[in-house]
Amino acid sequence: MSPRLSSRNLPGRLLIPVLLGALALGDLRVELLLLADHFTFTSFSAALLAHPLAVAVLALLPSLVRHYR
């Protein structure tokens, strides 16, 4: 009797949150470079408002990692 693969024991189960986090950081790359060069709260809020999906993914990334762990 072979063990059945479920979503809990798949070898690449953490690939989804890592991939989503990398894509979100890639989307925010230019804004992060601008913020690193010269930080202002106006540019920070503009970056958050211009990329709401990337910000939401990064904010929910700990929950995604716990879910897929």
Protein backbone atom coordinates (compact mmCIF):
# COMPACT_ATOMS: atom_id res chain seq x y z
CA MET A 1 0.00 0.00 0.00
CA SER A 2 1.64 3.22 -1.12
CA PRO A 3 1.13 6.48 0.80
CA ARG A 4 -1.14 8.93 -0.94
CA LEU A 5 0.12 12.42 -1.70
CA SER A 6 -1.95 15.16 -0.19
CA SER A 7 -1.48 18.91 -0.13
CA ARG A 8 0.19 18.56 3.29
CA ASN A 9 3.05 16.31 2.21
CA LEU A 10 3.91 17.56 -1.28
CA PRO A 11 7.64 18.30 -1.62
CA GLY A 12 7.19 21.74 -3.23
CA ARG A 13 4.37 23.04 -1.07
CA LEU A 14 6.27 26.19 0.01
CA LEU A 15 6.90 27.08 -3.63
CA ILE A 16 3.60 28.99 -3.93
CA PRO A 17 4.21 31.55 -1.12
CA VAL A 18 7.86 31.99 -2.15
CA LEU A 19 6.87 32.56 -5.77
CA LEU A 20 4.13 35.04 -4.79
CA GLY A 21 6.54 36.93 -2.53
CA ALA A 22 9.19 37.11 -5.24
CA LEU A 23 6.69 38.36 -7.81
CA ALA A 24 5.38 40.99 -5.38
CA LEU A 25 8.91 42.21 -4.66
CA GLY A 26 9.62 42.27 -8.39
CA ASP A 27 6.54 44.41 -8.91
CA LEU A 28 7.68 46.82 -6.19
CA ARG A 29 11.34 46.81 -7.30
CA VAL A 30 11.42 50.32 -8.80
CA GLU A 31 9.53 51.85 -5.90
CA LEU A 32 11.80 50.15 -3.37
CA LEU A 33 14.87 51.48 -5.18
CA LEU A 34 13.40 55.00 -5.15
CA LEU A 35 12.53 54.71 -1.47
CA ALA A 36 16.03 53.47 -0.67
CA ASP A 37 17.51 56.44 -2.52
CA HIS A 38 15.31 59.10 -0.93
CA PHE A 39 12.60 58.13 1.55
CA THR A 40 9.58 60.36 2.05
CA PHE A 41 6.22 59.41 3.46
CA THR A 42 4.58 60.76 0.31
CA SER A 43 6.57 58.42 -1.93
CA PHE A 44 5.92 55.55 0.48
CA SER A 45 2.16 56.11 0.40
CA ALA A 46 2.22 56.52 -3.39
CA ALA A 47 4.02 53.18 -3.73
CA LEU A 48 1.44 51.51 -1.49
CA LEU A 49 -1.47 52.99 -3.42
CA ALA A 50 0.02 52.23 -6.85
CA HIS A 51 0.56 48.51 -6.11
CA PRO A 52 -2.21 47.31 -3.77
CA LEU A 53 -2.03 43.65 -4.84
CA ALA A 54 1.74 43.40 -4.26
CA VAL A 55 1.37 45.06 -0.87
CA ALA A 56 -1.47 42.71 0.08
CA VAL A 57 0.56 39.66 -0.92
CA LEU A 58 3.53 40.83 1.15
CA ALA A 59 1.29 41.63 4.11
CA LEU A 60 -0.37 38.19 3.96
CA LEU A 61 2.82 36.24 3.23
CA PRO A 62 3.28 34.98 6.84
CA SER A 63 -0.26 33.60 6.79
CA LEU A 64 0.39 31.91 3.43
CA VAL A 65 3.58 30.31 4.72
CA ARG A 66 1.76 28.99 7.80
CA HIS A 67 -1.02 27.62 5.58
CA TYR A 68 1.34 25.81 3.20
CA ARG A 69 3.72 24.57 5.92
